[in-house]
Amino acid sequence: MNNFQQLEEKKMNEYPNSTKDVKKRVDKTMDIYRFVGNIFDLYFPKIVGYVTTMLGGDSKTAKSSRYPNRP
């Protein structure tokens, strides 16, 4: 066995559940990013529409230009 294999074995014996802990942390982080992305995707277009209307823009023309084939 070479030195790197010995070092790897030693570290694995010191922290037997380290890979499970890292996976849990990564999964939690990804869940948070997914949640923030869903909130952003859901509410950001409405906020932009409200700001456009407050600044004097016409929300009807913005909607009709998005889907030009619909009445």
N, C-alpha and C. Protein backbone atom coordinates (compact mmCIF):
# COMPACT_ATOMS: atom_id res chain seq x y z
N MET A 1 0.86 -1.17 0.00
CA MET A 1 0.00 0.00 0.00
C MET A 1 0.90 1.24 0.00
N ASN A 2 0.57 2.21 -0.86
CA ASN A 2 1.41 3.40 -0.90
C ASN A 2 0.93 4.43 0.14
N ASN A 3 1.65 5.51 0.25
CA ASN A 3 1.37 6.51 1.29
C ASN A 3 -0.01 7.16 1.13
N PHE A 4 -0.41 7.40 -0.12
CA PHE A 4 -1.70 8.04 -0.33
C PHE A 4 -2.86 7.13 0.07
N GLN A 5 -2.73 5.85 -0.20
CA GLN A 5 -3.76 4.90 0.21
C GLN A 5 -3.82 4.79 1.73
N GLN A 6 -2.68 4.82 2.38
CA GLN A 6 -2.65 4.78 3.84
C GLN A 6 -3.30 6.03 4.42
N LEU A 7 -2.98 7.18 3.83
CA LEU A 7 -3.58 8.44 4.30
C LEU A 7 -5.09 8.43 4.10
N GLU A 8 -5.53 7.93 2.96
CA GLU A 8 -6.97 7.86 2.70
C GLU A 8 -7.66 6.94 3.71
N GLU A 9 -7.07 5.81 3.97
CA GLU A 9 -7.64 4.87 4.94
C GLU A 9 -7.69 5.49 6.34
N LYS A 10 -6.63 6.20 6.70
CA LYS A 10 -6.58 6.84 8.02
C LYS A 10 -7.68 7.89 8.15
N LYS A 11 -7.87 8.71 7.10
CA LYS A 11 -8.90 9.75 7.14
C LYS A 11 -10.30 9.15 7.18
N MET A 12 -10.50 8.07 6.44
CA MET A 12 -11.80 7.42 6.44
C MET A 12 -12.12 6.83 7.81
N ASN A 13 -11.10 6.35 8.51
CA ASN A 13 -11.31 5.80 9.85
C ASN A 13 -11.58 6.91 10.86
N GLU A 14 -10.98 8.08 10.65
CA GLU A 14 -11.21 9.20 11.56
C GLU A 14 -12.62 9.76 11.42
N TYR A 15 -13.12 9.81 10.20
CA TYR A 15 -14.43 10.39 9.92
C TYR A 15 -15.26 9.39 9.12
N PRO A 16 -15.85 8.41 9.79
CA PRO A 16 -16.55 7.36 9.04
C PRO A 16 -17.81 7.84 8.31
N ASN A 17 -18.47 8.85 8.81
CA ASN A 17 -19.72 9.31 8.20
C ASN A 17 -19.55 10.61 7.43
N SER A 18 -18.32 10.94 7.08
CA SER A 18 -18.08 12.24 6.45
C SER A 18 -18.76 12.36 5.08
N THR A 19 -18.77 11.30 4.29
CA THR A 19 -19.40 11.40 2.97
C THR A 19 -20.91 11.58 3.09
N LYS A 20 -21.53 10.94 4.07
CA LYS A 20 -22.97 11.11 4.29
C LYS A 20 -23.28 12.53 4.74
N ASP A 21 -22.43 13.08 5.63
CA ASP A 21 -22.64 14.44 6.11
C ASP A 21 -22.49 15.46 4.99
N VAL A 22 -21.50 15.25 4.15
CA VAL A 22 -21.28 16.17 3.03
C VAL A 22 -22.47 16.10 2.07
N LYS A 23 -22.97 14.91 1.80
CA LYS A 23 -24.12 14.76 0.91
C LYS A 23 -25.34 15.46 1.50
N LYS A 24 -25.55 15.33 2.80
CA LYS A 24 -26.69 16.00 3.44
C LYS A 24 -26.57 17.51 3.31
N ARG A 25 -25.37 18.04 3.53
CA ARG A 25 -25.17 19.49 3.42
C ARG A 25 -25.38 19.98 2.00
N VAL A 26 -24.88 19.24 1.04
CA VAL A 26 -25.05 19.64 -0.36
C VAL A 26 -26.54 19.58 -0.74
N ASP A 27 -27.23 18.55 -0.30
CA ASP A 27 -28.66 18.44 -0.59
C ASP A 27 -29.45 19.60 0.02
N LYS A 28 -29.11 19.97 1.26
CA LYS A 28 -29.79 21.09 1.89
C LYS A 28 -29.54 22.39 1.14
N THR A 29 -28.30 22.60 0.72
CA THR A 29 -27.96 23.80 -0.02
C THR A 29 -28.71 23.84 -1.35
N MET A 30 -28.77 22.73 -2.04
CA MET A 30 -29.48 22.67 -3.31
C MET A 30 -30.98 22.90 -3.12
N ASP A 31 -31.54 22.40 -2.03
CA ASP A 31 -32.96 22.65 -1.74
C ASP A 31 -33.22 24.13 -1.53
N ILE A 32 -32.32 24.81 -0.84
CA ILE A 32 -32.48 26.25 -0.62
C ILE A 32 -32.41 27.00 -1.93
N TYR A 33 -31.42 26.66 -2.79
CA TYR A 33 -31.31 27.31 -4.09
C TYR A 33 -32.55 27.04 -4.95
N ARG A 34 -33.06 25.83 -4.90
CA ARG A 34 -34.26 25.47 -5.67
C ARG A 34 -35.46 26.29 -5.18
N PHE A 35 -35.60 26.44 -3.87
CA PHE A 35 -36.70 27.20 -3.30
C PHE A 35 -36.62 28.67 -3.72
N VAL A 36 -35.43 29.26 -3.60
CA VAL A 36 -35.26 30.66 -3.99
C VAL A 36 -35.52 30.83 -5.49
N GLY A 37 -35.08 29.90 -6.29
CA GLY A 37 -35.33 29.96 -7.73
C GLY A 37 -36.81 29.87 -8.05
N ASN A 38 -37.53 29.02 -7.36
CA ASN A 38 -38.98 28.91 -7.59
C ASN A 38 -39.70 30.19 -7.19
N ILE A 39 -39.33 30.78 -6.07
CA ILE A 39 -39.94 32.04 -5.64
C ILE A 39 -39.63 33.14 -6.65
N PHE A 40 -38.39 33.21 -7.10
CA PHE A 40 -38.00 34.21 -8.08
C PHE A 40 -38.78 34.03 -9.38
N ASP A 41 -38.90 32.80 -9.84
CA ASP A 41 -39.61 32.49 -11.08
C ASP A 41 -41.10 32.82 -10.97
N LEU A 42 -41.66 32.64 -9.80
CA LEU A 42 -43.09 32.86 -9.61
C LEU A 42 -43.43 34.34 -9.48
N TYR A 43 -42.66 35.10 -8.72
CA TYR A 43 -43.04 36.47 -8.39
C TYR A 43 -42.35 37.55 -9.20
N PHE A 44 -41.19 37.29 -9.77
CA PHE A 44 -40.44 38.34 -10.48
C PHE A 44 -41.21 38.93 -11.65
N PRO A 45 -41.86 38.15 -12.51
CA PRO A 45 -42.62 38.77 -13.61
C PRO A 45 -43.74 39.70 -13.12
N LYS A 46 -44.41 39.32 -12.04
CA LYS A 46 -45.47 40.18 -11.51
C LYS A 46 -44.90 41.49 -10.96
N ILE A 47 -43.77 41.41 -10.29
CA ILE A 47 -43.14 42.62 -9.75
C ILE A 47 -42.74 43.55 -10.88
N VAL A 48 -42.18 43.00 -11.94
CA VAL A 48 -41.80 43.82 -13.10
C VAL A 48 -43.04 44.47 -13.71
N GLY A 49 -44.13 43.73 -13.80
CA GLY A 49 -45.38 44.30 -14.32
C GLY A 49 -45.91 45.43 -13.45
N TYR A 50 -45.86 45.26 -12.14
CA TYR A 50 -46.31 46.31 -11.23
C TYR A 50 -45.43 47.55 -11.35
N VAL A 51 -44.14 47.36 -11.41
CA VAL A 51 -43.23 48.51 -11.54
C VAL A 51 -43.47 49.22 -12.87
N THR A 52 -43.67 48.47 -13.93
CA THR A 52 -43.95 49.07 -15.23
C THR A 52 -45.23 49.89 -15.19
N THR A 53 -46.25 49.35 -14.55
CA THR A 53 -47.51 50.08 -14.43
C THR A 53 -47.35 51.33 -13.57
N MET A 54 -46.60 51.23 -12.49
CA MET A 54 -46.40 52.38 -11.61
C MET A 54 -45.61 53.49 -12.30
N LEU A 55 -44.71 53.11 -13.21
CA LEU A 55 -43.92 54.12 -13.91
C LEU A 55 -44.63 54.69 -15.13
N GLY A 56 -45.88 54.27 -15.33
CA GLY A 56 -46.66 54.86 -16.41
C GLY A 56 -46.73 54.00 -17.66
N GLY A 57 -46.21 52.82 -17.61
CA GLY A 57 -46.28 51.93 -18.76
C GLY A 57 -47.64 51.29 -18.86
N ASP A 58 -47.94 50.73 -20.02
CA ASP A 58 -49.21 50.07 -20.23
C ASP A 58 -49.00 48.57 -20.14
N SER A 59 -49.59 47.94 -19.16
CA SER A 59 -49.38 46.50 -18.99
C SER A 59 -50.08 45.70 -20.07
N LYS A 60 -51.14 46.24 -20.68
CA LYS A 60 -51.84 45.51 -21.73
C LYS A 60 -50.97 45.37 -22.97
N THR A 61 -50.23 46.41 -23.33
CA THR A 61 -49.38 46.31 -24.52
C THR A 61 -48.20 45.38 -24.26
N ALA A 62 -47.72 45.34 -23.04
CA ALA A 62 -46.61 44.44 -22.71
C ALA A 62 -47.06 42.99 -22.83
N LYS A 63 -48.29 42.70 -22.38
CA LYS A 63 -48.79 41.33 -22.48
C LYS A 63 -49.06 40.96 -23.93
N SER A 64 -49.60 41.89 -24.72
CA SER A 64 -49.94 41.55 -26.10
C SER A 64 -48.67 41.37 -26.94
N SER A 65 -47.59 42.09 -26.61
CA SER A 65 -46.37 41.91 -27.39
C SER A 65 -45.66 40.61 -27.06
N ARG A 66 -45.96 40.07 -25.89
CA ARG A 66 -45.33 38.80 -25.51
C ARG A 66 -45.91 37.65 -26.31
N TYR A 67 -47.22 37.68 -26.54
CA TYR A 67 -47.90 36.66 -27.34
C TYR A 67 -48.61 37.33 -28.49
N PRO A 68 -47.93 37.61 -29.59
CA PRO A 68 -48.51 38.40 -30.67
C PRO A 68 -49.65 37.70 -31.40
N ASN A 69 -49.75 36.38 -31.37
CA ASN A 69 -50.80 35.67 -32.09
C ASN A 69 -52.09 35.56 -31.31
N ARG A 70 -52.10 35.95 -30.07
CA ARG A 70 -53.32 35.88 -29.26
C ARG A 70 -54.00 37.23 -29.25
N PRO A 71 -55.33 37.20 -29.19
CA PRO A 71 -56.07 38.50 -29.17
C PRO A 71 -55.94 39.23 -27.85
